[in-house]
Amino acid sequence: MLVVMSLQGQTEALTDYKDLTRKRRVNGERSLSFLLFKTERNAHAFDLVQEESVVEYDGHKYRIKQLEELAVGAVPMKRVR
């Protein structure tokens, strides 16, 4: 399960994401990237995904450092790295 915690401390589960990739470097640093589409199921959590928000996945926390906001047709999308 993918969970986001906003800068204000609000926590919500994320749905409708894809291309989730986890990487672990030789020095132990971990990174997470994914695409998130705004849908009816995740509209309440979509805006919580911002730079410096924290995403938790599989017991590990990741701080969002790079975020790109896009649109696929009329559907808003965020690319998190």
C-alpha atoms as a PDB file:
ATOM      1  CA  MET A   1       0.000   0.000   0.000  1.00  0.00           C
ATOM      2  CA  LEU A   2       1.216   3.485  -0.882  1.00  0.00           C
ATOM      3  CA  VAL A   3       0.448   6.222   1.687  1.00  0.00           C
ATOM      4  CA  VAL A   4       1.158   9.961   1.460  1.00  0.00           C
ATOM      5  CA  MET A   5       1.618  12.336   4.388  1.00  0.00           C
ATOM      6  CA  SER A   6       1.311  16.045   3.613  1.00  0.00           C
ATOM      7  CA  LEU A   7       3.460  18.791   5.078  1.00  0.00           C
ATOM      8  CA  GLN A   8       0.565  19.523   7.467  1.00  0.00           C
ATOM      9  CA  GLY A   9       0.509  15.896   8.685  1.00  0.00           C
ATOM     10  CA  GLN A  10      -2.612  14.705   6.849  1.00  0.00           C
ATOM     11  CA  THR A  11      -2.282  11.045   5.811  1.00  0.00           C
ATOM     12  CA  GLU A  12      -4.155   9.310   2.976  1.00  0.00           C
ATOM     13  CA  ALA A  13      -3.768   6.100   0.989  1.00  0.00           C
ATOM     14  CA  LEU A  14      -2.984   6.493  -2.710  1.00  0.00           C
ATOM     15  CA  THR A  15      -4.675   4.534  -5.477  1.00  0.00           C
ATOM     16  CA  ASP A  16      -4.507   4.581  -9.270  1.00  0.00           C
ATOM     17  CA  TYR A  17      -0.737   4.879  -9.506  1.00  0.00           C
ATOM     18  CA  LYS A  18       1.420   2.958 -11.948  1.00  0.00           C
ATOM     19  CA  ASP A  19       5.027   2.345 -12.922  1.00  0.00           C
ATOM     20  CA  LEU A  20       6.098   2.125  -9.271  1.00  0.00           C
ATOM     21  CA  THR A  21       9.860   1.665  -9.123  1.00  0.00           C
ATOM     22  CA  ARG A  22      12.061   1.288  -6.047  1.00  0.00           C
ATOM     23  CA  LYS A  23      15.827   1.622  -6.219  1.00  0.00           C
ATOM     24  CA  ARG A  24      18.505   1.044  -3.636  1.00  0.00           C
ATOM     25  CA  ARG A  25      21.970   2.405  -4.202  1.00  0.00           C
ATOM     26  CA  VAL A  26      25.248   0.892  -3.034  1.00  0.00           C
ATOM     27  CA  ASN A  27      25.470   3.495  -0.246  1.00  0.00           C
ATOM     28  CA  GLY A  28      22.082   2.333   1.134  1.00  0.00           C
ATOM     29  CA  GLU A  29      20.099   5.297  -0.193  1.00  0.00           C
ATOM     30  CA  ARG A  30      16.603   4.363  -1.355  1.00  0.00           C
ATOM     31  CA  SER A  31      14.409   6.063  -3.938  1.00  0.00           C
ATOM     32  CA  LEU A  32      10.855   5.609  -5.161  1.00  0.00           C
ATOM     33  CA  SER A  33       9.205   6.815  -8.354  1.00  0.00           C
ATOM     34  CA  PHE A  34       5.693   6.441  -9.757  1.00  0.00           C
ATOM     35  CA  LEU A  35       2.987   8.030 -11.895  1.00  0.00           C
ATOM     36  CA  LEU A  36      -0.199   9.146 -10.158  1.00  0.00           C
ATOM     37  CA  PHE A  37      -3.411   9.878 -12.057  1.00  0.00           C
ATOM     38  CA  LYS A  38      -6.190  11.978 -10.557  1.00  0.00           C
ATOM     39  CA  THR A  39      -9.334   9.852 -10.448  1.00  0.00           C
ATOM     40  CA  GLU A  40     -12.535   9.801  -8.424  1.00  0.00           C
ATOM     41  CA  ARG A  41     -10.992   7.172  -6.147  1.00  0.00           C
ATOM     42  CA  ASN A  42      -7.943   9.251  -5.216  1.00  0.00           C
ATOM     43  CA  ALA A  43      -9.149  12.856  -5.652  1.00  0.00           C
ATOM     44  CA  HIS A  44      -9.025  13.333  -1.862  1.00  0.00           C
ATOM     45  CA  ALA A  45      -5.318  12.398  -1.752  1.00  0.00           C
ATOM     46  CA  PHE A  46      -4.052  13.690  -5.118  1.00  0.00           C
ATOM     47  CA  ASP A  47      -3.348  17.240  -3.913  1.00  0.00           C
ATOM     48  CA  LEU A  48      -1.403  15.963  -0.879  1.00  0.00           C
ATOM     49  CA  VAL A  49       1.310  14.708  -3.230  1.00  0.00           C
ATOM     50  CA  GLN A  50       3.683  17.679  -3.299  1.00  0.00           C
ATOM     51  CA  GLU A  51       7.411  18.308  -3.098  1.00  0.00           C
ATOM     52  CA  GLU A  52       8.661  17.533   0.434  1.00  0.00           C
ATOM     53  CA  SER A  53       5.599  15.381   1.255  1.00  0.00           C
ATOM     54  CA  VAL A  54       6.440  11.918   2.579  1.00  0.00           C
ATOM     55  CA  VAL A  55       5.363   8.721   0.833  1.00  0.00           C
ATOM     56  CA  GLU A  56       5.442   5.419   2.702  1.00  0.00           C
ATOM     57  CA  TYR A  57       5.687   2.110   0.889  1.00  0.00           C
ATOM     58  CA  ASP A  58       6.495  -1.338   2.242  1.00  0.00           C
ATOM     59  CA  GLY A  59       7.606   0.028   5.608  1.00  0.00           C
ATOM     60  CA  HIS A  60       9.979   2.645   4.178  1.00  0.00           C
ATOM     61  CA  LYS A  61       9.470   6.405   4.023  1.00  0.00           C
ATOM     62  CA  TYR A  62      10.524   8.485   1.031  1.00  0.00           C
ATOM     63  CA  ARG A  63      10.529  12.287   0.798  1.00  0.00           C
ATOM     64  CA  ILE A  64       9.344  13.668  -2.552  1.00  0.00           C
ATOM     65  CA  LYS A  65      12.156  15.740  -4.024  1.00  0.00           C
ATOM     66  CA  GLN A  66      11.082  15.916  -7.674  1.00  0.00           C
ATOM     67  CA  LEU A  67       7.525  16.307  -8.870  1.00  0.00           C
ATOM     68  CA  GLU A  68       6.287  16.997 -12.366  1.00  0.00           C
ATOM     69  CA  GLU A  69       2.636  17.897 -12.979  1.00  0.00           C
ATOM     70  CA  LEU A  70       1.268  16.848 -16.365  1.00  0.00           C
ATOM     71  CA  ALA A  71      -2.020  16.046 -18.057  1.00  0.00           C
ATOM     72  CA  VAL A  72      -2.951  13.105 -20.237  1.00  0.00           C
ATOM     73  CA  GLY A  73      -5.846  14.506 -22.213  1.00  0.00           C
ATOM     74  CA  ALA A  74      -8.101  15.994 -19.534  1.00  0.00           C
ATOM     75  CA  VAL A  75      -6.720  13.801 -16.720  1.00  0.00           C
ATOM     76  CA  PRO A  76      -4.244  15.483 -14.338  1.00  0.00           C
ATOM     77  CA  MET A  77      -1.181  13.394 -13.551  1.00  0.00           C
ATOM     78  CA  LYS A  78       1.898  13.697 -11.340  1.00  0.00           C
ATOM     79  CA  ARG A  79       5.268  12.090 -11.961  1.00  0.00           C
ATOM     80  CA  VAL A  80       7.055  11.567  -8.650  1.00  0.00           C
ATOM     81  CA  ARG A  81      10.792  10.872  -8.478  1.00  0.00           C
END
